[in-house]
Amino acid sequence: MDHKELSDFLRKRREALQPEDVGLPRGRRRRTPGLRREEVAALAVMSPDYYSRLEGGRGPQPSEPMLTAIARALHLTLEERDYLFLLAGHGIPARSTRTDHINPGLLRILDRLEDTPAMVMNRLTETLMQTRAHVAFDGDHSRHTGQERSAIYRWFAGDDDRARYHPSAWDLHSRTLASILRSVHAVDGPASRAGALVRTLLSTSEEFRRLWEDHEVGVTHTNVKRFRHPVVGALELHCQILNDSDQQQTLLVFTATPGSESYEKLRLLSVIGNQQVTGEAPAPVHGVPTL
């Protein structure tokens, strides 16, 4: 681990970012060029003291999850992310299997959607980032670990995710998720994480076994989705999707027709989300990851 070079790299990347680049207010008394250390720490969901020691060249070797969180907070490109891993004494993550780095352009879009439910998912439907509004809408996905991080696993092996959808949407949602996993499994093979997920679900879910035997591929969601929220009740939302082919990730944005009942309920959820962040039970700025 090269403490000096790592310190210089982190400082220069931090100073190159402006608050508005990451969705933060500038304020009137800002003297620090770029972001403050505590702002980077908050974006990376880690303690300010830990980040300060790391940037100051005094901290211990950070783990790969820590480096991933810092790379996101600093909006590093994939090449800069790889360089960060090398400076910290880790090998370069394999790009074919590591799909947790979010393109800075996609991050900038997400930063400007804080009052809108939006999230970034990888090929295995693992949530990589959430807006505050999405945390209020669908809960903090950072609480999930292991295979439970995958929405496919949670749908077939649990009950919480299914309870959020109107029962009329269950059949298509099940078929779509099974189709997504089949496509990833075909590319990555049985020895991959997709293969492990398939084996787990085949042994635990009768519904998944039936759908897996159907060999359906290319099944897609409808653009309009019906949800059941535990606080505001029924919601009818439009889901817009933006695919990042380079990173093989998907940005999902949920909106409601202006003037509709669902639109007013989303506005209420946006207020709830801000209260969660600033009130007695704060939530991480982007929900994922929690370190």
Protein backbone atom coordinates (compact mmCIF):
# COMPACT_ATOMS: atom_id res chain seq x y z
CA MET A 1 0.00 0.00 0.00
CA ASP A 2 1.45 3.34 -1.09
CA HIS A 3 0.26 5.73 1.64
CA LYS A 4 1.68 8.91 0.06
CA GLU A 5 0.39 8.30 -3.45
CA LEU A 6 -2.99 7.15 -2.13
CA SER A 7 -3.25 10.29 0.01
CA ASP A 8 -2.38 12.58 -2.90
CA PHE A 9 -4.78 10.82 -5.26
CA LEU A 10 -7.72 10.98 -2.83
CA ARG A 11 -7.08 14.65 -2.03
CA LYS A 12 -6.84 15.72 -5.68
CA ARG A 13 -9.95 13.79 -6.70
CA ARG A 14 -11.84 15.30 -3.74
CA GLU A 15 -10.74 18.84 -4.58
CA ALA A 16 -11.73 18.34 -8.23
CA LEU A 17 -15.38 17.71 -7.28
CA GLN A 18 -17.85 20.51 -6.58
CA PRO A 19 -20.82 20.05 -4.21
CA GLU A 20 -23.30 20.39 -7.05
CA ASP A 21 -21.51 17.55 -8.88
CA VAL A 22 -22.69 15.12 -6.19
CA GLY A 23 -26.07 16.68 -5.38
CA LEU A 24 -24.96 18.68 -2.31
CA PRO A 25 -25.74 22.36 -1.58
CA ARG A 26 -22.77 24.69 -1.87
CA GLY A 27 -23.57 26.95 1.08
CA ARG A 28 -22.30 30.49 1.63
CA ARG A 29 -19.18 29.93 3.72
CA ARG A 30 -17.36 27.30 1.72
CA ARG A 31 -13.62 27.93 1.66
CA THR A 32 -12.45 24.39 0.91
CA PRO A 33 -11.70 23.77 -2.79
CA GLY A 34 -14.00 21.02 -3.95
CA LEU A 35 -15.65 18.75 -1.38
CA ARG A 36 -14.90 18.58 2.31
CA ARG A 37 -13.53 15.36 3.77
CA GLU A 38 -16.63 14.84 5.88
CA GLU A 39 -18.79 15.18 2.76
CA VAL A 40 -16.85 12.42 1.00
CA ALA A 41 -17.19 10.28 4.11
CA ALA A 42 -20.96 10.83 4.19
CA LEU A 43 -21.30 9.96 0.50
CA ALA A 44 -19.26 6.80 1.06
CA VAL A 45 -21.26 5.97 4.23
CA MET A 46 -18.19 5.74 6.49
CA SER A 47 -16.95 7.67 9.50
CA PRO A 48 -15.31 11.06 8.81
CA ASP A 49 -12.42 10.08 11.08
CA TYR A 50 -11.69 6.93 9.05
CA TYR A 51 -11.67 8.80 5.75
CA SER A 52 -9.59 11.66 7.16
CA ARG A 53 -6.94 9.24 8.41
CA LEU A 54 -6.92 7.45 5.07
CA GLU A 55 -6.51 10.64 3.05
CA GLY A 56 -3.95 11.85 5.58
CA GLY A 57 -1.80 8.78 4.93
CA ARG A 58 -2.31 7.39 8.43
CA GLY A 59 -5.08 4.85 8.02
CA PRO A 60 -4.90 1.05 7.77
CA GLN A 61 -5.30 -0.70 4.44
CA PRO A 62 -8.93 -0.23 3.34
CA SER A 63 -10.97 -3.24 2.32
CA GLU A 64 -12.29 -3.68 -1.21
CA PRO A 65 -15.85 -2.69 -0.17
CA MET A 66 -14.44 0.47 1.40
CA LEU A 67 -12.55 1.32 -1.78
CA THR A 68 -15.65 0.67 -3.86
CA ALA A 69 -17.64 3.08 -1.68
CA ILE A 70 -14.92 5.75 -1.95
CA ALA A 71 -14.76 5.33 -5.73
CA ARG A 72 -18.49 5.98 -5.94
CA ALA A 73 -18.36 8.95 -3.59
CA LEU A 74 -15.59 10.56 -5.67
CA HIS A 75 -17.32 9.68 -8.97
CA LEU A 76 -14.21 7.91 -10.26
CA THR A 77 -14.08 6.49 -13.75
CA LEU A 78 -13.45 2.77 -14.11
CA GLU A 79 -9.76 3.44 -14.85
CA GLU A 80 -9.47 5.67 -11.78
CA ARG A 81 -11.21 3.03 -9.68
CA ASP A 82 -8.64 0.44 -10.81
CA TYR A 83 -5.80 2.84 -9.99
CA LEU A 84 -7.28 3.42 -6.51
CA PHE A 85 -7.30 -0.34 -5.86
CA LEU A 86 -3.65 -0.60 -6.92
CA LEU A 87 -2.55 2.28 -4.68
CA ALA A 88 -4.32 0.63 -1.76
CA GLY A 89 -2.43 -2.61 -2.29
CA HIS A 90 -5.21 -4.62 -3.96
CA GLY A 91 -5.20 -6.14 -7.40
CA ILE A 92 -7.36 -4.66 -10.14
CA PRO A 93 -10.90 -6.09 -9.84
CA ALA A 94 -11.86 -8.30 -12.78
CA ARG A 95 -14.18 -6.19 -14.89
CA SER A 96 -16.03 -9.20 -16.26
CA THR A 97 -17.18 -10.26 -12.80
CA ARG A 98 -17.14 -7.05 -10.76
CA THR A 99 -20.25 -5.07 -11.68
CA ASP A 100 -20.46 -2.85 -8.60
CA HIS A 101 -18.72 0.23 -10.02
CA ILE A 102 -21.17 2.85 -11.30
CA ASN A 103 -20.27 5.07 -14.23
CA PRO A 104 -19.81 8.71 -13.08
CA GLY A 105 -22.33 9.86 -15.69
CA LEU A 106 -24.96 7.56 -14.22
CA LEU A 107 -24.08 8.80 -10.73
CA ARG A 108 -24.60 12.41 -11.82
CA ILE A 109 -28.06 11.53 -13.09
CA LEU A 110 -28.88 9.80 -9.80
CA ASP A 111 -27.62 12.80 -7.80
CA ARG A 112 -30.20 14.98 -9.53
CA LEU A 113 -33.07 12.63 -8.74
CA GLU A 114 -32.98 12.82 -4.95
CA ASP A 115 -36.71 13.64 -4.72
CA THR A 116 -37.61 10.82 -7.13
CA PRO A 117 -37.56 7.07 -6.42
CA ALA A 118 -34.60 5.84 -8.47
CA MET A 119 -32.05 3.07 -8.17
CA VAL A 120 -29.14 1.42 -9.99
CA MET A 121 -29.05 -2.38 -10.26
CA ASN A 122 -26.52 -4.82 -11.71
CA ARG A 123 -27.21 -7.86 -13.87
CA LEU A 124 -28.19 -9.99 -10.87
CA THR A 125 -30.69 -7.33 -9.74
CA GLU A 126 -28.51 -6.32 -6.78
CA THR A 127 -29.09 -2.70 -5.77
CA LEU A 128 -25.93 -0.62 -6.05
CA MET A 129 -27.39 2.79 -5.23
CA GLN A 130 -30.69 4.32 -4.14
CA THR A 131 -31.99 7.86 -3.87
CA ARG A 132 -33.48 9.01 -0.58
CA ALA A 133 -36.92 8.91 -2.17
CA HIS A 134 -36.40 5.30 -3.23
CA VAL A 135 -35.41 4.34 0.32
CA ALA A 136 -38.70 5.84 1.51
CA PHE A 137 -40.55 4.05 -1.28
CA ASP A 138 -38.98 0.59 -1.08
CA GLY A 139 -36.84 0.46 2.06
CA ASP A 140 -33.08 0.55 2.54
CA HIS A 141 -31.63 -2.21 0.38
CA SER A 142 -28.26 -1.97 2.12
CA ARG A 143 -29.64 -4.19 4.89
CA HIS A 144 -29.49 -7.19 2.55
CA THR A 145 -26.39 -9.39 2.42
CA GLY A 146 -25.27 -12.44 0.46
CA GLN A 147 -27.71 -13.82 -2.09
CA GLU A 148 -30.46 -11.79 -0.43
CA ARG A 149 -28.99 -8.72 -2.16
CA SER A 150 -30.58 -10.00 -5.37
CA ALA A 151 -34.18 -8.97 -5.95
CA ILE A 152 -34.60 -12.30 -7.75
CA TYR A 153 -33.68 -14.21 -4.60
CA ARG A 154 -35.90 -12.07 -2.39
CA TRP A 155 -38.87 -12.49 -4.73
CA PHE A 156 -38.79 -16.28 -4.83
CA ALA A 157 -37.32 -17.04 -1.41
CA GLY A 158 -38.99 -14.35 0.74
CA ASP A 159 -42.25 -12.51 1.19
CA ASP A 160 -41.39 -8.85 1.81
CA ASP A 161 -40.73 -7.87 -1.83
CA ARG A 162 -43.86 -9.64 -3.07
CA ALA A 163 -46.02 -7.79 -0.55
CA ARG A 164 -45.00 -4.48 -2.18
CA TYR A 165 -46.56 -5.43 -5.53
CA HIS A 166 -50.24 -5.66 -6.39
CA PRO A 167 -51.18 -9.38 -6.73
CA SER A 168 -52.19 -8.84 -10.36
CA ALA A 169 -48.51 -8.15 -11.17
CA TRP A 170 -47.05 -11.22 -9.46
CA ASP A 171 -47.17 -13.65 -12.38
CA LEU A 172 -45.46 -11.36 -14.92
CA HIS A 173 -42.92 -10.20 -12.36
CA SER A 174 -42.00 -13.81 -11.55
CA ARG A 175 -41.62 -14.70 -15.22
CA THR A 176 -39.53 -11.58 -15.88
CA LEU A 177 -37.13 -12.22 -13.01
CA ALA A 178 -36.68 -15.88 -13.98
CA SER A 179 -36.02 -14.75 -17.57
CA ILE A 180 -33.39 -12.22 -16.42
CA LEU A 181 -31.57 -14.85 -14.37
CA ARG A 182 -31.67 -17.36 -17.22
CA SER A 183 -30.02 -14.85 -19.58
CA VAL A 184 -27.26 -14.01 -17.07
CA HIS A 185 -26.73 -17.70 -16.30
CA ALA A 186 -26.37 -18.50 -20.01
CA VAL A 187 -23.53 -15.96 -20.31
CA ASP A 188 -21.75 -16.50 -16.98
CA GLY A 189 -22.15 -20.27 -16.69
CA PRO A 190 -22.99 -22.65 -13.82
CA ALA A 191 -19.79 -21.85 -11.90
CA SER A 192 -20.73 -18.16 -11.57
CA ARG A 193 -22.71 -16.32 -8.92
CA ALA A 194 -25.69 -16.60 -11.24
CA GLY A 195 -25.23 -20.36 -11.22
CA ALA A 196 -25.12 -20.45 -7.43
CA LEU A 197 -28.31 -18.39 -7.27
CA VAL A 198 -30.05 -20.77 -9.68
CA ARG A 199 -29.08 -23.78 -7.57
CA THR A 200 -30.33 -22.10 -4.39
CA LEU A 201 -33.69 -21.18 -5.89
CA LEU A 202 -34.18 -24.58 -7.53
CA SER A 203 -33.84 -26.13 -4.08
CA THR A 204 -36.07 -23.65 -2.25
CA SER A 205 -38.82 -22.43 -4.59
CA GLU A 206 -41.38 -24.59 -6.40
CA GLU A 207 -42.52 -21.57 -8.41
CA PHE A 208 -38.97 -20.89 -9.59
CA ARG A 209 -38.45 -24.55 -10.54
CA ARG A 210 -41.57 -24.44 -12.71
CA LEU A 211 -40.55 -21.20 -14.41
CA TRP A 212 -36.96 -22.37 -14.91
CA GLU A 213 -38.22 -25.43 -16.76
CA ASP A 214 -40.17 -23.16 -19.14
CA HIS A 215 -36.87 -21.74 -20.55
CA GLU A 216 -38.40 -18.30 -21.15
CA VAL A 217 -36.02 -15.51 -22.16
CA GLY A 218 -36.65 -11.90 -23.08
CA VAL A 219 -39.71 -11.49 -20.85
CA THR A 220 -40.04 -7.82 -19.87
CA HIS A 221 -41.93 -5.76 -17.32
CA THR A 222 -44.76 -3.44 -18.26
CA ASN A 223 -43.98 0.28 -18.11
CA VAL A 224 -46.78 0.91 -15.62
CA LYS A 225 -46.47 -0.87 -12.27
CA ARG A 226 -48.92 -1.18 -9.39
CA PHE A 227 -47.52 -1.19 -5.86
CA ARG A 228 -48.84 -1.43 -2.31
CA HIS A 229 -46.89 0.83 0.07
CA PRO A 230 -47.23 0.20 3.82
CA VAL A 231 -47.63 3.93 4.58
CA VAL A 232 -49.38 5.61 1.62
CA GLY A 233 -51.20 2.59 0.18
CA ALA A 234 -51.80 1.86 -3.52
CA LEU A 235 -49.45 3.43 -6.08
CA GLU A 236 -49.53 3.34 -9.87
CA LEU A 237 -46.10 4.34 -11.20
CA HIS A 238 -44.33 4.55 -14.52
CA CYS A 239 -40.92 2.89 -14.61
CA GLN A 240 -38.35 4.41 -16.97
CA ILE A 241 -35.20 2.38 -17.60
CA LEU A 242 -31.75 3.52 -18.69
CA ASN A 243 -29.23 0.78 -19.49
CA ASP A 244 -25.47 1.26 -19.21
CA SER A 245 -24.14 -1.33 -21.64
CA ASP A 246 -20.49 -0.77 -20.65
CA GLN A 247 -21.08 -1.47 -16.96
CA GLN A 248 -24.05 -3.78 -17.60
CA GLN A 249 -26.15 -1.88 -15.09
CA THR A 250 -29.64 -0.43 -15.16
CA LEU A 251 -31.03 2.83 -13.79
CA LEU A 252 -34.71 2.58 -12.86
CA VAL A 253 -36.73 5.76 -12.26
CA PHE A 254 -40.28 5.66 -10.88
CA THR A 255 -42.64 8.56 -11.62
CA ALA A 256 -46.37 9.23 -11.39
CA THR A 257 -48.73 11.14 -13.67
CA PRO A 258 -48.84 14.79 -12.48
CA GLY A 259 -52.04 15.58 -10.64
CA SER A 260 -52.85 11.95 -9.93
CA GLU A 261 -53.38 10.45 -6.49
CA SER A 262 -50.13 8.49 -6.88
CA TYR A 263 -48.31 11.74 -7.70
CA GLU A 264 -49.42 13.29 -4.40
CA LYS A 265 -48.44 10.13 -2.53
CA LEU A 266 -44.95 10.24 -4.06
CA ARG A 267 -44.60 13.84 -2.90
CA LEU A 268 -45.50 12.69 0.60
CA LEU A 269 -42.92 9.90 0.41
CA SER A 270 -40.30 12.44 -0.65
CA VAL A 271 -40.97 14.37 2.57
CA ILE A 272 -40.80 11.13 4.55
CA GLY A 273 -37.46 10.33 2.93
CA ASN A 274 -36.00 13.71 3.94
CA GLN A 275 -37.21 13.22 7.51
CA GLN A 276 -35.48 9.84 7.61
CA VAL A 277 -32.23 11.47 6.58
CA THR A 278 -32.39 14.46 8.92
CA GLY A 279 -34.59 13.16 11.75
CA GLU A 280 -34.15 10.72 14.58
CA ALA A 281 -33.52 7.66 12.41
CA PRO A 282 -31.26 8.84 9.55
CA ALA A 283 -30.76 6.81 6.40
CA PRO A 284 -27.57 6.79 4.27
CA VAL A 285 -27.44 9.40 1.53
CA HIS A 286 -27.72 6.79 -1.20
CA GLY A 287 -28.78 3.76 0.76
CA VAL A 288 -26.10 1.41 -0.60
CA PRO A 289 -23.53 0.42 0.49
CA THR A 290 -23.51 0.62 4.28
CA LEU A 291 -19.98 0.18 5.59
